[in-house]
Amino acid sequence: MINACTELLRLSQEAKSRAAWIERPIVSLRIGAALAIAVMTIGLISAVSQVDPTTRRFDMVLFVNSLEAGINNIVLLAAAVYFLVTIETRIKRRRALAAIHELRSLAHIIDMHQLTKDPDRLMLEGSDTKSSPVTRMNVYQMSRYLDYCVEMLALIGKIAAIYSLHWNDTAAIQAVTDVEGLTSSLSQKIFQKRMILHDTPAR
């Protein structure tokens, strides 16, 4: 559990700088995208300007081929523009989702640690099996241990929220919501254990 606490401290310290990086515009990327879009637009305008509208002879085949080529060029240009405009968002989203995934993984690790903290081991009389984990805690110590787990899960949910605080991205917001739902669900499960412990005579 000490390692989990250390990891949570690290993630909380990095969250501020990571979130700040995500919120800042990537100026060089925006300039590059704007230049690329400008070059493509100029190229399209130049190609259109080569068309001679004074030609009186009408050729249906040539017209259809030109129309098809023009539509294809417009579609490709629109796709390229969309890619360039959204590339910054996709880079930031990838970094935010990676950070949120670390928090989600840590929540599962905390849950794994508390699985062996079973109030029945303190309430019921009986001998342990060969696979039973060693229990060295009394009622008070186990209660405090579970308290710490709940507190760490609450912090994970709050740290995750930092990544969507000033950045309105649907995927990141959904990932944060999932982490908050996960930590809330795990906390409720631990809270039930604490309620059982409160009804257990001190040992």
N, C-alpha and C. Protein backbone atom coordinates (compact mmCIF):
# COMPACT_ATOMS: atom_id res chain seq x y z
N MET A 1 0.83 -1.20 0.00
CA MET A 1 0.00 0.00 0.00
C MET A 1 0.86 1.26 0.00
N ILE A 2 2.04 1.17 0.61
CA ILE A 2 2.95 2.33 0.62
C ILE A 2 3.33 2.70 -0.81
N ASN A 3 3.58 1.67 -1.64
CA ASN A 3 3.92 1.94 -3.05
C ASN A 3 2.76 2.62 -3.77
N ALA A 4 1.55 2.21 -3.45
CA ALA A 4 0.38 2.83 -4.07
C ALA A 4 0.26 4.30 -3.65
N CYS A 5 0.53 4.57 -2.39
CA CYS A 5 0.50 5.96 -1.90
C CYS A 5 1.56 6.81 -2.61
N THR A 6 2.74 6.23 -2.76
CA THR A 6 3.82 6.95 -3.44
C THR A 6 3.45 7.24 -4.89
N GLU A 7 2.84 6.26 -5.55
CA GLU A 7 2.43 6.45 -6.93
C GLU A 7 1.34 7.50 -7.04
N LEU A 8 0.41 7.51 -6.10
CA LEU A 8 -0.65 8.52 -6.10
C LEU A 8 -0.06 9.91 -5.91
N LEU A 9 0.92 10.04 -5.04
CA LEU A 9 1.59 11.32 -4.83
C LEU A 9 2.25 11.79 -6.12
N ARG A 10 2.91 10.87 -6.81
CA ARG A 10 3.57 11.23 -8.07
C ARG A 10 2.56 11.70 -9.12
N LEU A 11 1.47 10.96 -9.26
CA LEU A 11 0.46 11.32 -10.25
C LEU A 11 -0.20 12.66 -9.91
N SER A 12 -0.39 12.92 -8.62
CA SER A 12 -0.99 14.19 -8.23
C SER A 12 -0.05 15.36 -8.52
N GLN A 13 1.24 15.15 -8.32
CA GLN A 13 2.21 16.21 -8.60
C GLN A 13 2.34 16.48 -10.09
N GLU A 14 2.23 15.42 -10.90
CA GLU A 14 2.35 15.58 -12.34
C GLU A 14 1.06 16.09 -12.98
N ALA A 15 -0.06 15.94 -12.29
CA ALA A 15 -1.35 16.29 -12.88
C ALA A 15 -1.42 17.77 -13.25
N LYS A 16 -0.89 18.64 -12.39
CA LYS A 16 -0.97 20.08 -12.65
C LYS A 16 -0.20 20.45 -13.90
N SER A 17 1.03 19.95 -14.04
CA SER A 17 1.84 20.30 -15.21
C SER A 17 1.27 19.65 -16.47
N ARG A 18 0.77 18.43 -16.35
CA ARG A 18 0.18 17.77 -17.51
C ARG A 18 -1.07 18.50 -17.98
N ALA A 19 -1.92 18.87 -17.04
CA ALA A 19 -3.15 19.59 -17.40
C ALA A 19 -2.83 20.95 -18.01
N ALA A 20 -1.81 21.61 -17.47
CA ALA A 20 -1.42 22.92 -18.02
C ALA A 20 -0.91 22.77 -19.45
N TRP A 21 -0.15 21.70 -19.71
CA TRP A 21 0.33 21.46 -21.08
C TRP A 21 -0.83 21.20 -22.03
N ILE A 22 -1.82 20.46 -21.57
CA ILE A 22 -2.98 20.14 -22.40
C ILE A 22 -3.79 21.40 -22.72
N GLU A 23 -3.89 22.29 -21.74
CA GLU A 23 -4.69 23.51 -21.94
C GLU A 23 -4.00 24.51 -22.87
N ARG A 24 -2.66 24.51 -22.89
CA ARG A 24 -1.95 25.49 -23.71
C ARG A 24 -2.06 25.14 -25.19
N PRO A 25 -2.22 26.14 -26.06
CA PRO A 25 -2.22 25.86 -27.50
C PRO A 25 -0.81 25.49 -27.98
N ILE A 26 -0.73 24.57 -28.91
CA ILE A 26 0.55 24.20 -29.51
C ILE A 26 0.74 25.12 -30.71
N VAL A 27 1.41 26.24 -30.47
CA VAL A 27 1.50 27.31 -31.47
C VAL A 27 2.18 26.83 -32.75
N SER A 28 3.30 26.12 -32.61
CA SER A 28 4.03 25.66 -33.80
C SER A 28 3.18 24.74 -34.65
N LEU A 29 2.39 23.89 -34.00
CA LEU A 29 1.52 22.98 -34.74
C LEU A 29 0.41 23.75 -35.45
N ARG A 30 -0.13 24.74 -34.80
CA ARG A 30 -1.18 25.55 -35.42
C ARG A 30 -0.65 26.33 -36.62
N ILE A 31 0.55 26.88 -36.48
CA ILE A 31 1.14 27.63 -37.60
C ILE A 31 1.40 26.70 -38.79
N GLY A 32 1.95 25.51 -38.48
CA GLY A 32 2.20 24.54 -39.55
C GLY A 32 0.92 24.12 -40.26
N ALA A 33 -0.14 23.89 -39.49
CA ALA A 33 -1.42 23.49 -40.07
C ALA A 33 -1.98 24.61 -40.93
N ALA A 34 -1.89 25.86 -40.45
CA ALA A 34 -2.40 27.00 -41.21
C ALA A 34 -1.65 27.17 -42.52
N LEU A 35 -0.32 26.99 -42.48
CA LEU A 35 0.47 27.11 -43.70
C LEU A 35 0.11 26.01 -44.70
N ALA A 36 -0.05 24.78 -44.19
CA ALA A 36 -0.40 23.67 -45.08
C ALA A 36 -1.76 23.89 -45.73
N ILE A 37 -2.73 24.37 -44.95
CA ILE A 37 -4.06 24.65 -45.49
C ILE A 37 -3.99 25.76 -46.53
N ALA A 38 -3.17 26.78 -46.25
CA ALA A 38 -3.03 27.89 -47.20
C ALA A 38 -2.42 27.41 -48.52
N VAL A 39 -1.40 26.56 -48.44
CA VAL A 39 -0.76 26.03 -49.65
C VAL A 39 -1.75 25.21 -50.46
N MET A 40 -2.52 24.35 -49.78
CA MET A 40 -3.51 23.54 -50.50
C MET A 40 -4.59 24.40 -51.13
N THR A 41 -5.02 25.43 -50.43
CA THR A 41 -6.05 26.32 -50.96
C THR A 41 -5.55 27.07 -52.18
N ILE A 42 -4.31 27.55 -52.10
CA ILE A 42 -3.72 28.25 -53.24
C ILE A 42 -3.59 27.31 -54.43
N GLY A 43 -3.20 26.07 -54.16
CA GLY A 43 -3.10 25.08 -55.23
C GLY A 43 -4.43 24.82 -55.91
N LEU A 44 -5.49 24.73 -55.10
CA LEU A 44 -6.82 24.50 -55.66
C LEU A 44 -7.28 25.69 -56.49
N ILE A 45 -7.04 26.89 -55.98
CA ILE A 45 -7.43 28.09 -56.73
C ILE A 45 -6.65 28.19 -58.03
N SER A 46 -5.37 27.83 -57.97
CA SER A 46 -4.54 27.87 -59.18
C SER A 46 -5.05 26.88 -60.22
N ALA A 47 -5.45 25.69 -59.74
CA ALA A 47 -5.97 24.69 -60.68
C ALA A 47 -7.27 25.14 -61.31
N VAL A 48 -8.13 25.75 -60.52
CA VAL A 48 -9.41 26.24 -61.05
C VAL A 48 -9.20 27.37 -62.06
N SER A 49 -8.20 28.20 -61.78
CA SER A 49 -7.94 29.34 -62.67
C SER A 49 -7.43 28.90 -64.05
N GLN A 50 -6.96 27.66 -64.15
CA GLN A 50 -6.46 27.17 -65.43
C GLN A 50 -7.60 26.78 -66.38
N VAL A 51 -8.80 26.67 -65.84
CA VAL A 51 -9.94 26.31 -66.67
C VAL A 51 -10.30 27.48 -67.59
N ASP A 52 -10.50 27.18 -68.87
CA ASP A 52 -10.82 28.22 -69.86
C ASP A 52 -12.34 28.25 -70.07
N PRO A 53 -13.01 29.23 -69.48
CA PRO A 53 -14.47 29.28 -69.59
C PRO A 53 -14.96 29.77 -70.96
N THR A 54 -14.04 30.19 -71.84
CA THR A 54 -14.45 30.73 -73.14
C THR A 54 -14.63 29.65 -74.20
N THR A 55 -14.28 28.43 -73.84
CA THR A 55 -14.44 27.35 -74.81
C THR A 55 -15.92 27.12 -75.10
N ARG A 56 -16.28 27.24 -76.37
CA ARG A 56 -17.68 27.14 -76.74
C ARG A 56 -18.13 25.70 -76.95
N ARG A 57 -17.23 24.84 -77.31
CA ARG A 57 -17.60 23.46 -77.59
C ARG A 57 -17.87 22.73 -76.28
N PHE A 58 -19.00 22.08 -76.23
CA PHE A 58 -19.40 21.37 -75.01
C PHE A 58 -19.18 19.88 -75.23
N ASP A 59 -18.37 19.30 -74.36
CA ASP A 59 -18.09 17.86 -74.43
C ASP A 59 -18.60 17.23 -73.14
N MET A 60 -19.65 16.39 -73.23
CA MET A 60 -20.25 15.79 -72.05
C MET A 60 -19.27 14.91 -71.29
N VAL A 61 -18.51 14.11 -72.02
CA VAL A 61 -17.55 13.21 -71.38
C VAL A 61 -16.51 14.01 -70.62
N LEU A 62 -15.98 15.04 -71.26
CA LEU A 62 -14.99 15.88 -70.60
C LEU A 62 -15.58 16.58 -69.38
N PHE A 63 -16.85 17.01 -69.52
CA PHE A 63 -17.50 17.69 -68.41
C PHE A 63 -17.66 16.75 -67.21
N VAL A 64 -18.12 15.51 -67.47
CA VAL A 64 -18.32 14.54 -66.39
C VAL A 64 -17.00 14.19 -65.73
N ASN A 65 -15.97 13.98 -66.53
CA ASN A 65 -14.65 13.65 -65.97
C ASN A 65 -14.11 14.81 -65.12
N SER A 66 -14.30 16.02 -65.62
CA SER A 66 -13.82 17.19 -64.88
C SER A 66 -14.59 17.37 -63.57
N LEU A 67 -15.91 17.14 -63.65
CA LEU A 67 -16.74 17.26 -62.45
C LEU A 67 -16.34 16.23 -61.40
N GLU A 68 -16.10 15.00 -61.85
CA GLU A 68 -15.71 13.93 -60.92
C GLU A 68 -14.35 14.24 -60.29
N ALA A 69 -13.41 14.68 -61.11
CA ALA A 69 -12.09 15.02 -60.59
C ALA A 69 -12.18 16.18 -59.60
N GLY A 70 -13.02 17.16 -59.93
CA GLY A 70 -13.17 18.31 -59.04
C GLY A 70 -13.76 17.92 -57.69
N ILE A 71 -14.78 17.05 -57.72
CA ILE A 71 -15.40 16.60 -56.46
C ILE A 71 -14.40 15.81 -55.63
N ASN A 72 -13.63 14.93 -56.28
CA ASN A 72 -12.62 14.15 -55.57
C ASN A 72 -11.58 15.05 -54.91
N ASN A 73 -11.17 16.09 -55.64
CA ASN A 73 -10.17 17.01 -55.08
C ASN A 73 -10.73 17.78 -53.89
N ILE A 74 -11.99 18.18 -54.00
CA ILE A 74 -12.61 18.91 -52.89
C ILE A 74 -12.75 18.02 -51.66
N VAL A 75 -13.16 16.77 -51.88
CA VAL A 75 -13.30 15.83 -50.75
C VAL A 75 -11.95 15.58 -50.09
N LEU A 76 -10.91 15.37 -50.89
CA LEU A 76 -9.57 15.13 -50.34
C LEU A 76 -9.06 16.36 -49.60
N LEU A 77 -9.34 17.53 -50.16
CA LEU A 77 -8.91 18.77 -49.51
C LEU A 77 -9.63 18.94 -48.17
N ALA A 78 -10.93 18.66 -48.15
CA ALA A 78 -11.70 18.78 -46.91
C ALA A 78 -11.18 17.80 -45.85
N ALA A 79 -10.86 16.56 -46.29
CA ALA A 79 -10.32 15.57 -45.34
C ALA A 79 -8.97 16.01 -44.80
N ALA A 80 -8.13 16.56 -45.68
CA ALA A 80 -6.82 17.03 -45.24
C ALA A 80 -6.95 18.19 -44.27
N VAL A 81 -7.86 19.10 -44.56
CA VAL A 81 -8.09 20.25 -43.66
C VAL A 81 -8.59 19.77 -42.31
N TYR A 82 -9.53 18.83 -42.31
CA TYR A 82 -10.06 18.29 -41.05
C TYR A 82 -8.94 17.62 -40.25
N PHE A 83 -8.09 16.86 -40.92
CA PHE A 83 -6.97 16.21 -40.23
C PHE A 83 -6.05 17.23 -39.60
N LEU A 84 -5.73 18.28 -40.33
CA LEU A 84 -4.81 19.29 -39.82
C LEU A 84 -5.42 20.10 -38.68
N VAL A 85 -6.72 20.37 -38.80
CA VAL A 85 -7.39 21.18 -37.77
C VAL A 85 -7.53 20.40 -36.46
N THR A 86 -7.73 19.08 -36.56
CA THR A 86 -7.99 18.27 -35.36
C THR A 86 -6.75 17.57 -34.81
N ILE A 87 -5.61 17.71 -35.45
CA ILE A 87 -4.43 16.98 -35.00
C ILE A 87 -3.99 17.41 -33.60
N GLU A 88 -4.12 18.69 -33.30
CA GLU A 88 -3.74 19.18 -31.97
C GLU A 88 -4.64 18.55 -30.90
N THR A 89 -5.94 18.52 -31.18
CA THR A 89 -6.87 17.92 -30.22
C THR A 89 -6.58 16.46 -30.00
N ARG A 90 -6.23 15.74 -31.07
CA ARG A 90 -5.95 14.30 -30.94
C ARG A 90 -4.68 14.05 -30.15
N ILE A 91 -3.69 14.90 -30.32
CA ILE A 91 -2.45 14.75 -29.54
C ILE A 91 -2.73 14.99 -28.06
N LYS A 92 -3.47 16.04 -27.76
CA LYS A 92 -3.79 16.35 -26.36
C LYS A 92 -4.68 15.27 -25.76
N ARG A 93 -5.64 14.78 -26.55
CA ARG A 93 -6.54 13.74 -26.06
C ARG A 93 -5.75 12.48 -25.70
N ARG A 94 -4.80 12.11 -26.56
CA ARG A 94 -4.00 10.91 -26.30
C ARG A 94 -3.23 11.05 -24.98
N ARG A 95 -2.68 12.23 -24.74
CA ARG A 95 -1.91 12.43 -23.50
C ARG A 95 -2.83 12.44 -22.29
N ALA A 96 -4.00 13.07 -22.41
CA ALA A 96 -4.94 13.10 -21.29
C ALA A 96 -5.46 11.70 -20.97
N LEU A 97 -5.80 10.93 -22.00
CA LEU A 97 -6.33 9.59 -21.76
C LEU A 97 -5.27 8.68 -21.15
N ALA A 98 -4.01 8.88 -21.53
CA ALA A 98 -2.93 8.08 -20.94
C ALA A 98 -2.80 8.39 -19.44
N ALA A 99 -2.89 9.66 -19.08
CA ALA A 99 -2.81 10.05 -17.66
C ALA A 99 -4.00 9.51 -16.88
N ILE A 100 -5.19 9.59 -17.47
CA ILE A 100 -6.40 9.10 -16.79
C ILE A 100 -6.34 7.58 -16.65
N HIS A 101 -5.75 6.91 -17.64
CA HIS A 101 -5.61 5.45 -17.56
C HIS A 101 -4.71 5.06 -16.39
N GLU A 102 -3.67 5.84 -16.14
CA GLU A 102 -2.80 5.56 -14.99
C GLU A 102 -3.60 5.63 -13.69
N LEU A 103 -4.46 6.63 -13.59
CA LEU A 103 -5.28 6.78 -12.39
C LEU A 103 -6.27 5.62 -12.25
N ARG A 104 -6.85 5.20 -13.35
CA ARG A 104 -7.79 4.07 -13.32
C ARG A 104 -7.07 2.80 -12.86
N SER A 105 -5.86 2.58 -13.37
CA SER A 105 -5.08 1.40 -12.98
C SER A 105 -4.76 1.43 -11.49
N LEU A 106 -4.42 2.61 -10.98
CA LEU A 106 -4.09 2.73 -9.56
C LEU A 106 -5.31 2.44 -8.70
N ALA A 107 -6.49 2.86 -9.15
CA ALA A 107 -7.72 2.57 -8.39
C ALA A 107 -7.93 1.06 -8.28
N HIS A 108 -7.66 0.34 -9.34
CA HIS A 108 -7.80 -1.12 -9.29
C HIS A 108 -6.76 -1.75 -8.36
N ILE A 109 -5.57 -1.17 -8.33
CA ILE A 109 -4.52 -1.69 -7.43
C ILE A 109 -4.95 -1.50 -5.97
N ILE A 110 -5.49 -0.33 -5.66
CA ILE A 110 -5.98 -0.08 -4.30
C ILE A 110 -7.08 -1.08 -3.94
N ASP A 111 -7.95 -1.34 -4.88
CA ASP A 111 -9.03 -2.30 -4.64
C ASP A 111 -8.46 -3.70 -4.38
N MET A 112 -7.42 -4.06 -5.11
CA MET A 112 -6.80 -5.37 -4.90
C MET A 112 -6.19 -5.47 -3.50
N HIS A 113 -5.61 -4.37 -3.01
CA HIS A 113 -5.01 -4.37 -1.68
C HIS A 113 -6.06 -4.59 -0.59
N GLN A 114 -7.23 -3.98 -0.76
CA GLN A 114 -8.22 -4.05 0.31
C GLN A 114 -9.06 -5.34 0.26
N LEU A 115 -8.90 -6.13 -0.81
CA LEU A 115 -9.71 -7.35 -0.92
C LEU A 115 -9.46 -8.32 0.23
N THR A 116 -8.23 -8.38 0.70
CA THR A 116 -7.90 -9.32 1.78
C THR A 116 -8.28 -8.79 3.16
N LYS A 117 -8.71 -7.55 3.23
CA LYS A 117 -9.10 -6.97 4.52
C LYS A 117 -10.58 -7.28 4.76
N ASP A 118 -10.83 -8.50 5.22
CA ASP A 118 -12.19 -9.02 5.36
C ASP A 118 -12.62 -8.96 6.82
N PRO A 119 -13.69 -8.23 7.14
CA PRO A 119 -14.17 -8.15 8.52
C PRO A 119 -14.54 -9.50 9.12
N ASP A 120 -14.92 -10.46 8.27
CA ASP A 120 -15.28 -11.80 8.78
C ASP A 120 -14.11 -12.46 9.50
N ARG A 121 -12.91 -12.12 9.10
CA ARG A 121 -11.73 -12.72 9.75
C ARG A 121 -11.64 -12.29 11.21
N LEU A 122 -12.23 -11.14 11.54
CA LEU A 122 -12.19 -10.66 12.91
C LEU A 122 -13.47 -11.01 13.68
N MET A 123 -14.52 -11.34 12.94
CA MET A 123 -15.81 -11.59 13.59
C MET A 123 -16.06 -13.07 13.87
N LEU A 124 -15.62 -13.91 12.94
CA LEU A 124 -15.94 -15.34 13.03
C LEU A 124 -14.77 -16.13 13.57
N GLU A 125 -15.06 -17.10 14.39
CA GLU A 125 -14.04 -17.98 14.93
C GLU A 125 -13.80 -19.12 13.95
N GLY A 126 -12.58 -19.53 13.82
CA GLY A 126 -12.25 -20.64 12.92
C GLY A 126 -10.79 -20.59 12.55
N SER A 127 -10.30 -21.69 12.06
CA SER A 127 -8.89 -21.78 11.69
C SER A 127 -8.71 -21.37 10.23
N ASP A 128 -7.57 -20.78 9.95
CA ASP A 128 -7.26 -20.36 8.59
C ASP A 128 -6.88 -21.56 7.73
N THR A 129 -7.08 -21.40 6.44
CA THR A 129 -6.64 -22.41 5.49
C THR A 129 -5.22 -22.09 5.04
N LYS A 130 -4.65 -22.97 4.23
CA LYS A 130 -3.29 -22.75 3.75
C LYS A 130 -3.20 -21.51 2.86
N SER A 131 -4.30 -21.19 2.19
CA SER A 131 -4.30 -20.04 1.27
C SER A 131 -4.81 -18.76 1.92
N SER A 132 -5.17 -18.82 3.19
CA SER A 132 -5.68 -17.62 3.86
C SER A 132 -4.58 -16.60 4.07
N PRO A 133 -4.82 -15.33 3.75
CA PRO A 133 -3.81 -14.30 4.00
C PRO A 133 -3.64 -14.06 5.49
N VAL A 134 -2.44 -13.68 5.85
CA VAL A 134 -2.14 -13.43 7.26
C VAL A 134 -2.80 -12.12 7.68
N THR A 135 -3.52 -12.16 8.80
CA THR A 135 -4.19 -10.97 9.32
C THR A 135 -3.53 -10.54 10.62
N ARG A 136 -2.90 -9.38 10.60
CA ARG A 136 -2.23 -8.87 11.79
C ARG A 136 -2.92 -7.62 12.33
N MET A 137 -4.08 -7.29 11.79
CA MET A 137 -4.77 -6.07 12.18
C MET A 137 -5.90 -6.37 13.15
N ASN A 138 -6.11 -5.43 14.06
CA ASN A 138 -7.31 -5.51 14.89
C ASN A 138 -8.42 -4.70 14.22
N VAL A 139 -9.55 -4.57 14.89
CA VAL A 139 -10.70 -3.87 14.30
C VAL A 139 -10.36 -2.42 13.97
N TYR A 140 -9.71 -1.74 14.90
CA TYR A 140 -9.38 -0.33 14.69
C TYR A 140 -8.41 -0.16 13.52
N GLN A 141 -7.37 -0.97 13.48
CA GLN A 141 -6.38 -0.85 12.43
C GLN A 141 -6.97 -1.14 11.05
N MET A 142 -7.82 -2.17 10.97
CA MET A 142 -8.45 -2.47 9.68
C MET A 142 -9.39 -1.35 9.26
N SER A 143 -10.09 -0.77 10.23
CA SER A 143 -10.99 0.33 9.92
C SER A 143 -10.22 1.52 9.37
N ARG A 144 -9.09 1.82 10.00
CA ARG A 144 -8.27 2.93 9.52
C ARG A 144 -7.68 2.61 8.14
N TYR A 145 -7.30 1.36 7.91
CA TYR A 145 -6.76 0.97 6.62
C TYR A 145 -7.81 1.20 5.53
N LEU A 146 -9.03 0.78 5.79
CA LEU A 146 -10.10 0.97 4.82
C LEU A 146 -10.41 2.46 4.62
N ASP A 147 -10.28 3.24 5.68
CA ASP A 147 -10.45 4.69 5.56
C ASP A 147 -9.44 5.27 4.58
N TYR A 148 -8.19 4.83 4.71
CA TYR A 148 -7.15 5.33 3.82
C TYR A 148 -7.45 4.94 2.37
N CYS A 149 -7.96 3.74 2.16
CA CYS A 149 -8.30 3.31 0.81
C CYS A 149 -9.39 4.21 0.22
N VAL A 150 -10.40 4.51 1.01
CA VAL A 150 -11.48 5.39 0.54
C VAL A 150 -10.95 6.77 0.21
N GLU A 151 -10.06 7.28 1.07
CA GLU A 151 -9.50 8.61 0.84
C GLU A 151 -8.66 8.64 -0.44
N MET A 152 -7.89 7.59 -0.67
CA MET A 152 -7.07 7.53 -1.88
C MET A 152 -7.94 7.44 -3.13
N LEU A 153 -9.02 6.67 -3.05
CA LEU A 153 -9.92 6.58 -4.19
C LEU A 153 -10.59 7.92 -4.47
N ALA A 154 -10.95 8.63 -3.41
CA ALA A 154 -11.55 9.96 -3.59
C ALA A 154 -10.55 10.91 -4.26
N LEU A 155 -9.29 10.84 -3.85
CA LEU A 155 -8.27 11.69 -4.46
C LEU A 155 -8.08 11.35 -5.93
N ILE A 156 -8.13 10.08 -6.26
CA ILE A 156 -7.98 9.67 -7.66
C ILE A 156 -9.08 10.30 -8.51
N GLY A 157 -10.31 10.27 -8.01
CA GLY A 157 -11.41 10.89 -8.75
C GLY A 157 -11.21 12.38 -8.94
N LYS A 158 -10.71 13.06 -7.91
CA LYS A 158 -10.50 14.50 -8.00
C LYS A 158 -9.34 14.84 -8.94
N ILE A 159 -8.28 14.03 -8.89
CA ILE A 159 -7.14 14.28 -9.77
C ILE A 159 -7.55 14.08 -11.22
N ALA A 160 -8.36 13.04 -11.48
CA ALA A 160 -8.82 12.80 -12.85
C ALA A 160 -9.62 13.99 -13.38
N ALA A 161 -10.41 14.61 -12.50
CA ALA A 161 -11.24 15.74 -12.93
C ALA A 161 -10.41 16.93 -13.40
N ILE A 162 -9.16 17.02 -12.96
CA ILE A 162 -8.29 18.12 -13.37
C ILE A 162 -8.11 18.14 -14.89
N TYR A 163 -8.09 16.95 -15.50
CA TYR A 163 -7.81 16.86 -16.94
C TYR A 163 -8.97 17.31 -17.81
N SER A 164 -10.12 17.53 -17.22
CA SER A 164 -11.25 18.04 -18.01
C SER A 164 -11.79 19.35 -17.45
N LEU A 165 -11.02 19.95 -16.54
CA LEU A 165 -11.49 21.16 -15.86
C LEU A 165 -11.60 22.34 -16.82
N HIS A 166 -10.56 22.56 -17.63
CA HIS A 166 -10.54 23.69 -18.55
C HIS A 166 -10.37 23.23 -20.00
N TRP A 167 -10.68 21.96 -20.26
CA TRP A 167 -10.50 21.43 -21.62
C TRP A 167 -11.74 20.63 -21.97
N ASN A 168 -12.53 21.14 -22.87
CA ASN A 168 -13.83 20.55 -23.19
C ASN A 168 -13.69 19.54 -24.32
N ASP A 169 -13.21 18.34 -23.98
CA ASP A 169 -13.09 17.27 -24.96
C ASP A 169 -14.00 16.12 -24.54
N THR A 170 -14.84 15.65 -25.45
CA THR A 170 -15.84 14.64 -25.11
C THR A 170 -15.21 13.35 -24.61
N ALA A 171 -14.16 12.88 -25.31
CA ALA A 171 -13.53 11.63 -24.92
C ALA A 171 -12.88 11.73 -23.54
N ALA A 172 -12.20 12.85 -23.28
CA ALA A 172 -11.55 13.04 -21.98
C ALA A 172 -12.59 13.16 -20.87
N ILE A 173 -13.66 13.89 -21.12
CA ILE A 173 -14.71 14.04 -20.11
C ILE A 173 -15.34 12.69 -19.79
N GLN A 174 -15.57 11.87 -20.82
CA GLN A 174 -16.15 10.55 -20.60
C GLN A 174 -15.21 9.66 -19.80
N ALA A 175 -13.90 9.75 -20.09
CA ALA A 175 -12.92 8.96 -19.34
C ALA A 175 -12.87 9.39 -17.88
N VAL A 176 -12.94 10.69 -17.64
CA VAL A 176 -12.96 11.20 -16.26
C VAL A 176 -14.22 10.72 -15.54
N THR A 177 -15.35 10.77 -16.23
CA THR A 177 -16.61 10.31 -15.64
C THR A 177 -16.53 8.82 -15.28
N ASP A 178 -15.89 8.04 -16.15
CA ASP A 178 -15.74 6.60 -15.88
C ASP A 178 -14.88 6.36 -14.64
N VAL A 179 -13.80 7.14 -14.51
CA VAL A 179 -12.92 6.98 -13.34
C VAL A 179 -13.66 7.38 -12.07
N GLU A 180 -14.40 8.47 -12.13
CA GLU A 180 -15.16 8.91 -10.96
C GLU A 180 -16.21 7.87 -10.58
N GLY A 181 -16.86 7.27 -11.58
CA GLY A 181 -17.84 6.22 -11.30
C GLY A 181 -17.18 5.00 -10.70
N LEU A 182 -16.00 4.64 -11.21
CA LEU A 182 -15.26 3.49 -10.68
C LEU A 182 -14.87 3.71 -9.23
N THR A 183 -14.27 4.86 -8.93
CA THR A 183 -13.82 5.12 -7.57
C THR A 183 -14.99 5.21 -6.60
N SER A 184 -16.11 5.77 -7.07
CA SER A 184 -17.30 5.84 -6.21
C SER A 184 -17.83 4.45 -5.90
N SER A 185 -17.86 3.58 -6.92
CA SER A 185 -18.34 2.22 -6.73
C SER A 185 -17.44 1.44 -5.77
N LEU A 186 -16.13 1.58 -5.94
CA LEU A 186 -15.19 0.88 -5.05
C LEU A 186 -15.28 1.42 -3.62
N SER A 187 -15.47 2.71 -3.49
CA SER A 187 -15.59 3.31 -2.16
C SER A 187 -16.83 2.80 -1.43
N GLN A 188 -17.92 2.64 -2.16
CA GLN A 188 -19.14 2.12 -1.54
C GLN A 188 -18.94 0.69 -1.05
N LYS A 189 -18.21 -0.09 -1.82
CA LYS A 189 -17.92 -1.46 -1.41
C LYS A 189 -17.09 -1.49 -0.13
N ILE A 190 -16.10 -0.61 -0.05
CA ILE A 190 -15.27 -0.53 1.14
C ILE A 190 -16.07 0.00 2.32
N PHE A 191 -16.96 0.95 2.06
CA PHE A 191 -17.78 1.52 3.13
C PHE A 191 -18.64 0.43 3.79
N GLN A 192 -19.11 -0.51 2.99
CA GLN A 192 -19.89 -1.62 3.56
C GLN A 192 -19.04 -2.43 4.53
N LYS A 193 -17.79 -2.63 4.22
CA LYS A 193 -16.89 -3.34 5.13
C LYS A 193 -16.72 -2.56 6.44
N ARG A 194 -16.59 -1.25 6.30
CA ARG A 194 -16.43 -0.42 7.49
C ARG A 194 -17.67 -0.49 8.39
N MET A 195 -18.83 -0.52 7.77
CA MET A 195 -20.06 -0.63 8.56
C MET A 195 -20.09 -1.95 9.33
N ILE A 196 -19.63 -3.01 8.71
CA ILE A 196 -19.56 -4.31 9.40
C ILE A 196 -18.56 -4.24 10.54
N LEU A 197 -17.43 -3.59 10.31
CA LEU A 197 -16.41 -3.48 11.35
C LEU A 197 -16.93 -2.70 12.56
N HIS A 198 -17.76 -1.70 12.34
CA HIS A 198 -18.28 -0.89 13.43
C HIS A 198 -19.19 -1.71 14.36
N ASP A 199 -19.73 -2.79 13.82
CA ASP A 199 -20.57 -3.67 14.65
C ASP A 199 -19.78 -4.82 15.24
N THR A 200 -18.47 -4.80 15.05
CA THR A 200 -17.61 -5.87 15.54
C THR A 200 -16.99 -5.47 16.88
N PRO A 201 -17.04 -6.32 17.88
CA PRO A 201 -16.38 -6.01 19.16
C PRO A 201 -14.88 -5.80 18.95
N ALA A 202 -14.32 -4.85 19.66
CA ALA A 202 -12.89 -4.56 19.53
C ALA A 202 -12.06 -5.76 19.93
N ARG A 203 -11.02 -6.02 19.13
CA ARG A 203 -10.11 -7.15 19.41
C ARG A 203 -8.68 -6.69 19.27
